[in-house]
C-alpha atoms as a PDB file:
ATOM      1  CA  UNK A   1      15.699  17.791  34.369  1.00  0.00           C
ATOM      2  CA  UNK A   2      16.687  14.851  32.185  1.00  0.00           C
ATOM      3  CA  UNK A   3      14.227  12.153  31.168  1.00  0.00           C
ATOM      4  CA  UNK A   4      15.638   8.743  30.257  1.00  0.00           C
ATOM      5  CA  UNK A   5      13.044   7.288  27.895  1.00  0.00           C
ATOM      6  CA  UNK A   6      12.272   5.071  24.979  1.00  0.00           C
ATOM      7  CA  UNK A   7       9.489   5.398  22.428  1.00  0.00           C
ATOM      8  CA  UNK A   8       6.663   2.739  22.632  1.00  0.00           C
ATOM      9  CA  UNK A   9       6.995   2.265  26.370  1.00  0.00           C
ATOM     10  CA  UNK A  10       5.635   3.574  29.630  1.00  0.00           C
ATOM     11  CA  UNK A  11       7.973   6.546  29.036  1.00  0.00           C
ATOM     12  CA  UNK A  12       5.117   8.303  27.162  1.00  0.00           C
ATOM     13  CA  UNK A  13       3.397   9.204  30.366  1.00  0.00           C
ATOM     14  CA  UNK A  14       6.461  10.964  31.576  1.00  0.00           C
ATOM     15  CA  UNK A  15       6.958  12.637  28.263  1.00  0.00           C
ATOM     16  CA  UNK A  16       3.299  13.795  28.135  1.00  0.00           C
ATOM     17  CA  UNK A  17       3.651  15.003  31.858  1.00  0.00           C
ATOM     18  CA  UNK A  18       6.662  17.157  31.030  1.00  0.00           C
ATOM     19  CA  UNK A  19       5.100  18.563  27.895  1.00  0.00           C
ATOM     20  CA  UNK A  20       1.857  19.334  29.793  1.00  0.00           C
ATOM     21  CA  UNK A  21       3.823  21.070  32.536  1.00  0.00           C
ATOM     22  CA  UNK A  22       5.798  22.998  29.813  1.00  0.00           C
ATOM     23  CA  UNK A  23       8.943  21.921  31.598  1.00  0.00           C
ATOM     24  CA  UNK A  24      12.475  22.694  30.447  1.00  0.00           C
ATOM     25  CA  UNK A  25      14.078  19.224  30.169  1.00  0.00           C
ATOM     26  CA  UNK A  26      16.461  17.117  28.138  1.00  0.00           C
ATOM     27  CA  UNK A  27      15.913  13.560  26.906  1.00  0.00           C
ATOM     28  CA  UNK A  28      18.332  10.643  26.669  1.00  0.00           C
ATOM     29  CA  UNK A  29      17.167   7.654  24.647  1.00  0.00           C
ATOM     30  CA  UNK A  30      17.499   4.268  26.304  1.00  0.00           C
ATOM     31  CA  UNK A  31      16.811   1.813  23.475  1.00  0.00           C
ATOM     32  CA  UNK A  32      15.254  -1.190  25.290  1.00  0.00           C
ATOM     33  CA  UNK A  33      15.226  -3.214  22.005  1.00  0.00           C
ATOM     34  CA  UNK A  34      18.944  -2.841  21.872  1.00  0.00           C
ATOM     35  CA  UNK A  35      19.160  -3.799  25.682  1.00  0.00           C
ATOM     36  CA  UNK A  36      20.535  -0.314  26.626  1.00  0.00           C
ATOM     37  CA  UNK A  37      18.431  -0.713  29.863  1.00  0.00           C
ATOM     38  CA  UNK A  38      20.792  -3.546  30.926  1.00  0.00           C
ATOM     39  CA  UNK A  39      24.106  -1.604  30.799  1.00  0.00           C
ATOM     40  CA  UNK A  40      25.951  -1.009  33.939  1.00  0.00           C
ATOM     41  CA  UNK A  41      25.653   2.738  33.378  1.00  0.00           C
ATOM     42  CA  UNK A  42      21.911   2.759  33.246  1.00  0.00           C
ATOM     43  CA  UNK A  43      21.473   0.082  35.994  1.00  0.00           C
ATOM     44  CA  UNK A  44      23.319   2.630  38.319  1.00  0.00           C
ATOM     45  CA  UNK A  45      20.481   5.067  37.524  1.00  0.00           C
ATOM     46  CA  UNK A  46      17.683   2.426  37.812  1.00  0.00           C
ATOM     47  CA  UNK A  47      18.618  -0.942  39.112  1.00  0.00           C
ATOM     48  CA  UNK A  48      15.306  -2.316  37.718  1.00  0.00           C
ATOM     49  CA  UNK A  49      16.540  -1.472  34.232  1.00  0.00           C
ATOM     50  CA  UNK A  50      13.273   0.262  33.343  1.00  0.00           C
ATOM     51  CA  UNK A  51      12.316   3.470  31.707  1.00  0.00           C
ATOM     52  CA  UNK A  52      11.241   6.156  32.334  1.00  0.00           C
ATOM     53  CA  UNK A  53      13.492   7.659  34.916  1.00  0.00           C
ATOM     54  CA  UNK A  54      13.731  11.375  35.674  1.00  0.00           C
ATOM     55  CA  UNK A  55      16.859  12.967  37.004  1.00  0.00           C
ATOM     56  CA  UNK A  56      16.609  16.428  38.598  1.00  0.00           C
ATOM     57  CA  UNK A  57      19.818  17.547  40.216  1.00  0.00           C
ATOM     58  CA  UNK A  58      20.555  14.842  42.743  1.00  0.00           C
ATOM     59  CA  UNK A  59      16.976  13.509  42.772  1.00  0.00           C
ATOM     60  CA  UNK A  60      16.578  10.292  40.773  1.00  0.00           C
ATOM     61  CA  UNK A  61      12.881   9.215  40.274  1.00  0.00           C
ATOM     62  CA  UNK A  62      11.621   6.110  38.609  1.00  0.00           C
ATOM     63  CA  UNK A  63       8.110   4.606  38.372  1.00  0.00           C
ATOM     64  CA  UNK A  64       5.459   6.522  36.457  1.00  0.00           C
ATOM     65  CA  UNK A  65       3.319   7.451  39.414  1.00  0.00           C
ATOM     66  CA  UNK A  66       6.317   8.703  41.395  1.00  0.00           C
ATOM     67  CA  UNK A  67       7.483  10.784  38.436  1.00  0.00           C
ATOM     68  CA  UNK A  68       3.998  12.342  38.114  1.00  0.00           C
ATOM     69  CA  UNK A  69       3.915  13.260  41.859  1.00  0.00           C
ATOM     70  CA  UNK A  70       7.404  14.655  41.649  1.00  0.00           C
ATOM     71  CA  UNK A  71       6.925  16.868  38.616  1.00  0.00           C
ATOM     72  CA  UNK A  72       3.414  18.093  39.574  1.00  0.00           C
ATOM     73  CA  UNK A  73       4.653  19.134  42.967  1.00  0.00           C
ATOM     74  CA  UNK A  74       7.896  20.532  41.744  1.00  0.00           C
ATOM     75  CA  UNK A  75       6.062  22.689  39.143  1.00  0.00           C
ATOM     76  CA  UNK A  76       3.041  23.834  40.986  1.00  0.00           C
ATOM     77  CA  UNK A  77       2.595  26.674  38.413  1.00  0.00           C
ATOM     78  CA  UNK A  78       1.432  24.005  35.965  1.00  0.00           C
ATOM     79  CA  UNK A  79      -1.611  23.217  38.100  1.00  0.00           C
ATOM     80  CA  UNK A  80      -1.320  19.485  37.592  1.00  0.00           C
ATOM     81  CA  UNK A  81      -1.854  18.572  41.199  1.00  0.00           C
ATOM     82  CA  UNK A  82      -4.341  19.582  43.986  1.00  0.00           C
ATOM     83  CA  UNK A  83      -2.591  21.061  46.953  1.00  0.00           C
ATOM     84  CA  UNK A  84      -2.136  18.837  50.105  1.00  0.00           C
ATOM     85  CA  UNK A  85      -5.014  20.603  51.917  1.00  0.00           C
ATOM     86  CA  UNK A  86      -7.361  20.272  48.845  1.00  0.00           C
ATOM     87  CA  UNK A  87     -10.085  17.597  49.301  1.00  0.00           C
ATOM     88  CA  UNK A  88      -9.295  16.433  45.800  1.00  0.00           C
ATOM     89  CA  UNK A  89      -5.769  15.435  46.856  1.00  0.00           C
ATOM     90  CA  UNK A  90      -6.973  12.160  48.146  1.00  0.00           C
ATOM     91  CA  UNK A  91      -8.766  11.027  44.901  1.00  0.00           C
ATOM     92  CA  UNK A  92      -5.826  12.421  42.852  1.00  0.00           C
ATOM     93  CA  UNK A  93      -3.342  10.230  44.694  1.00  0.00           C
ATOM     94  CA  UNK A  94      -5.734   7.222  44.464  1.00  0.00           C
ATOM     95  CA  UNK A  95      -6.071   7.528  40.748  1.00  0.00           C
ATOM     96  CA  UNK A  96      -2.398   8.176  40.189  1.00  0.00           C
ATOM     97  CA  UNK A  97      -1.543   4.757  41.887  1.00  0.00           C
ATOM     98  CA  UNK A  98      -4.594   2.943  40.580  1.00  0.00           C
ATOM     99  CA  UNK A  99      -2.829   2.364  37.343  1.00  0.00           C
ATOM    100  CA  UNK A 100       0.118   0.477  38.743  1.00  0.00           C
ATOM    101  CA  UNK A 101      -1.820  -1.268  41.662  1.00  0.00           C
ATOM    102  CA  UNK A 102      -4.938  -2.166  39.799  1.00  0.00           C
ATOM    103  CA  UNK A 103      -5.115  -1.526  36.017  1.00  0.00           C
ATOM    104  CA  UNK A 104      -1.806  -3.012  34.973  1.00  0.00           C
ATOM    105  CA  UNK A 105      -2.273  -6.236  37.042  1.00  0.00           C
ATOM    106  CA  UNK A 106      -5.794  -6.600  35.700  1.00  0.00           C
ATOM    107  CA  UNK A 107      -4.467  -6.148  32.132  1.00  0.00           C
ATOM    108  CA  UNK A 108      -1.899  -8.840  32.838  1.00  0.00           C
ATOM    109  CA  UNK A 109      -4.662 -11.118  34.204  1.00  0.00           C
ATOM    110  CA  UNK A 110      -6.716 -10.556  31.020  1.00  0.00           C
ATOM    111  CA  UNK A 111      -3.659 -10.953  28.661  1.00  0.00           C
ATOM    112  CA  UNK A 112      -2.451 -14.194  30.434  1.00  0.00           C
ATOM    113  CA  UNK A 113      -5.845 -15.595  31.313  1.00  0.00           C
ATOM    114  CA  UNK A 114      -5.041 -16.539  34.873  1.00  0.00           C
ATOM    115  CA  UNK A 115      -7.665 -16.560  37.680  1.00  0.00           C
ATOM    116  CA  UNK A 116      -7.263 -15.302  41.243  1.00  0.00           C
ATOM    117  CA  UNK A 117      -9.696 -14.788  44.116  1.00  0.00           C
ATOM    118  CA  UNK A 118     -10.480 -11.264  45.361  1.00  0.00           C
ATOM    119  CA  UNK A 119      -8.459 -12.078  48.546  1.00  0.00           C
ATOM    120  CA  UNK A 120      -5.476 -13.137  46.400  1.00  0.00           C
ATOM    121  CA  UNK A 121      -5.444 -10.219  43.909  1.00  0.00           C
ATOM    122  CA  UNK A 122      -5.175  -6.646  45.299  1.00  0.00           C
ATOM    123  CA  UNK A 123      -6.922  -5.479  42.136  1.00  0.00           C
ATOM    124  CA  UNK A 124      -9.911  -7.811  42.717  1.00  0.00           C
ATOM    125  CA  UNK A 125     -10.477  -8.893  39.107  1.00  0.00           C
ATOM    126  CA  UNK A 126     -10.151  -7.535  35.616  1.00  0.00           C
ATOM    127  CA  UNK A 127     -13.952  -7.056  35.403  1.00  0.00           C
ATOM    128  CA  UNK A 128     -13.980  -5.019  38.597  1.00  0.00           C
ATOM    129  CA  UNK A 129     -11.221  -2.757  37.586  1.00  0.00           C
ATOM    130  CA  UNK A 130     -12.892  -1.958  34.303  1.00  0.00           C
ATOM    131  CA  UNK A 131     -16.233  -1.326  35.886  1.00  0.00           C
ATOM    132  CA  UNK A 132     -14.710   0.983  38.496  1.00  0.00           C
ATOM    133  CA  UNK A 133     -12.795   2.881  35.878  1.00  0.00           C
ATOM    134  CA  UNK A 134     -15.884   3.149  33.628  1.00  0.00           C
ATOM    135  CA  UNK A 135     -17.833   4.598  36.461  1.00  0.00           C
ATOM    136  CA  UNK A 136     -15.188   7.061  37.362  1.00  0.00           C
ATOM    137  CA  UNK A 137     -14.847   8.413  33.787  1.00  0.00           C
ATOM    138  CA  UNK A 138     -18.584   8.366  32.854  1.00  0.00           C
ATOM    139  CA  UNK A 139     -19.257  11.899  34.023  1.00  0.00           C
ATOM    140  CA  UNK A 140     -15.936  13.480  33.218  1.00  0.00           C
ATOM    141  CA  UNK A 141     -14.542  15.283  31.508  1.00  0.00           C
ATOM    142  CA  UNK A 142     -11.563  14.327  33.707  1.00  0.00           C
ATOM    143  CA  UNK A 143     -10.890  11.697  36.515  1.00  0.00           C
ATOM    144  CA  UNK A 144     -11.292  14.456  39.060  1.00  0.00           C
ATOM    145  CA  UNK A 145     -14.319  15.937  37.338  1.00  0.00           C
ATOM    146  CA  UNK A 146     -13.654  19.401  35.784  1.00  0.00           C
ATOM    147  CA  UNK A 147     -10.085  19.516  36.778  1.00  0.00           C
ATOM    148  CA  UNK A 148      -7.398  17.948  34.564  1.00  0.00           C
ATOM    149  CA  UNK A 149      -4.300  16.635  36.636  1.00  0.00           C
ATOM    150  CA  UNK A 150      -1.335  14.466  36.397  1.00  0.00           C
ATOM    151  CA  UNK A 151      -3.686  11.542  37.424  1.00  0.00           C
ATOM    152  CA  UNK A 152      -5.325  12.016  33.984  1.00  0.00           C
ATOM    153  CA  UNK A 153      -1.874  11.506  32.369  1.00  0.00           C
ATOM    154  CA  UNK A 154      -1.538   8.095  34.100  1.00  0.00           C
ATOM    155  CA  UNK A 155      -5.191   7.016  33.651  1.00  0.00           C
ATOM    156  CA  UNK A 156      -5.198   8.518  29.978  1.00  0.00           C
ATOM    157  CA  UNK A 157      -2.200   6.332  28.967  1.00  0.00           C
ATOM    158  CA  UNK A 158      -3.582   3.273  30.627  1.00  0.00           C
ATOM    159  CA  UNK A 159      -6.933   3.755  28.784  1.00  0.00           C
ATOM    160  CA  UNK A 160      -5.111   4.328  25.482  1.00  0.00           C
ATOM    161  CA  UNK A 161      -2.960   1.234  26.008  1.00  0.00           C
ATOM    162  CA  UNK A 162      -5.936  -0.846  27.060  1.00  0.00           C
ATOM    163  CA  UNK A 163      -7.985   0.108  23.980  1.00  0.00           C
ATOM    164  CA  UNK A 164      -5.189  -0.282  21.524  1.00  0.00           C
ATOM    165  CA  UNK A 165      -4.367  -3.797  22.762  1.00  0.00           C
ATOM    166  CA  UNK A 166      -7.850  -5.103  23.369  1.00  0.00           C
ATOM    167  CA  UNK A 167      -7.594  -5.150  27.094  1.00  0.00           C
ATOM    168  CA  UNK A 168     -10.424  -2.651  27.572  1.00  0.00           C
ATOM    169  CA  UNK A 169     -13.888  -2.959  26.000  1.00  0.00           C
ATOM    170  CA  UNK A 170     -14.685  -0.028  23.730  1.00  0.00           C
ATOM    171  CA  UNK A 171     -17.092   1.560  26.228  1.00  0.00           C
ATOM    172  CA  UNK A 172     -18.342   5.055  25.409  1.00  0.00           C
ATOM    173  CA  UNK A 173     -16.673   6.508  28.502  1.00  0.00           C
ATOM    174  CA  UNK A 174     -13.240   5.207  27.503  1.00  0.00           C
ATOM    175  CA  UNK A 175     -13.535   6.338  23.916  1.00  0.00           C
ATOM    176  CA  UNK A 176     -14.757   9.676  24.757  1.00  0.00           C
ATOM    177  CA  UNK A 177     -11.929  10.100  27.468  1.00  0.00           C
ATOM    178  CA  UNK A 178      -9.218   8.979  25.147  1.00  0.00           C
ATOM    179  CA  UNK A 179     -10.416  11.459  22.506  1.00  0.00           C
ATOM    180  CA  UNK A 180     -10.282  14.260  25.120  1.00  0.00           C
ATOM    181  CA  UNK A 181      -6.814  13.236  26.203  1.00  0.00           C
ATOM    182  CA  UNK A 182      -5.487  13.055  22.607  1.00  0.00           C
ATOM    183  CA  UNK A 183      -6.939  16.611  21.918  1.00  0.00           C
ATOM    184  CA  UNK A 184      -4.741  18.163  24.579  1.00  0.00           C
ATOM    185  CA  UNK A 185      -1.734  20.189  23.160  1.00  0.00           C
ATOM    186  CA  UNK A 186       0.599  18.627  25.719  1.00  0.00           C
ATOM    187  CA  UNK A 187      -0.346  15.192  24.505  1.00  0.00           C
ATOM    188  CA  UNK A 188       0.098  16.153  20.885  1.00  0.00           C
ATOM    189  CA  UNK A 189       3.514  17.557  21.480  1.00  0.00           C
ATOM    190  CA  UNK A 190       4.536  14.387  23.362  1.00  0.00           C
ATOM    191  CA  UNK A 191       3.123  12.325  20.518  1.00  0.00           C
ATOM    192  CA  UNK A 192       5.182  14.143  17.906  1.00  0.00           C
ATOM    193  CA  UNK A 193       8.286  13.625  19.956  1.00  0.00           C
ATOM    194  CA  UNK A 194       7.532   9.895  20.396  1.00  0.00           C
ATOM    195  CA  UNK A 195       6.975   9.419  16.721  1.00  0.00           C
ATOM    196  CA  UNK A 196      10.160  11.293  15.839  1.00  0.00           C
ATOM    197  CA  UNK A 197      12.107   9.211  18.246  1.00  0.00           C
ATOM    198  CA  UNK A 198      10.722   5.893  17.205  1.00  0.00           C
END
């Protein structure tokens, strides 16, 4: 597997995922600050010109949630995804895609200060997203309860980002969850790689 990545971007979720899974992979830096994402070579890999992108043989996977599903299913021994017949599979998939469908748009709404009605915005509102996330993390320790999964990598990155940039209130549930995520050896290995590549 090869990860196309850049420090200080959404690539961290894929980096953490691969480290959490103890995958064998290589990394190729795509420096978005030097516009490497806009080269013809990279656009052939991802026409959107975004990182992360994971290549595994002939499979090319972009988008954070899709990479999480792909790796967790490809490496079942890592235990990062409930099996399709497991009742937790539904909530797992929901939380994986909650980040891109609800959290990131809500963050953009808070950052830019625009308003939208519930019928216009698939995420409802920033306040609704924050309250739902708070409720889901209050009992913990993980988004699925006792079981850590790839969904925690997505949610954990979103919580870290939201707290770092003032897009999430510093509620006890968020602070405690961030601390648990950051204590994981996979997170710490990814963080060292990220800092070394920055």
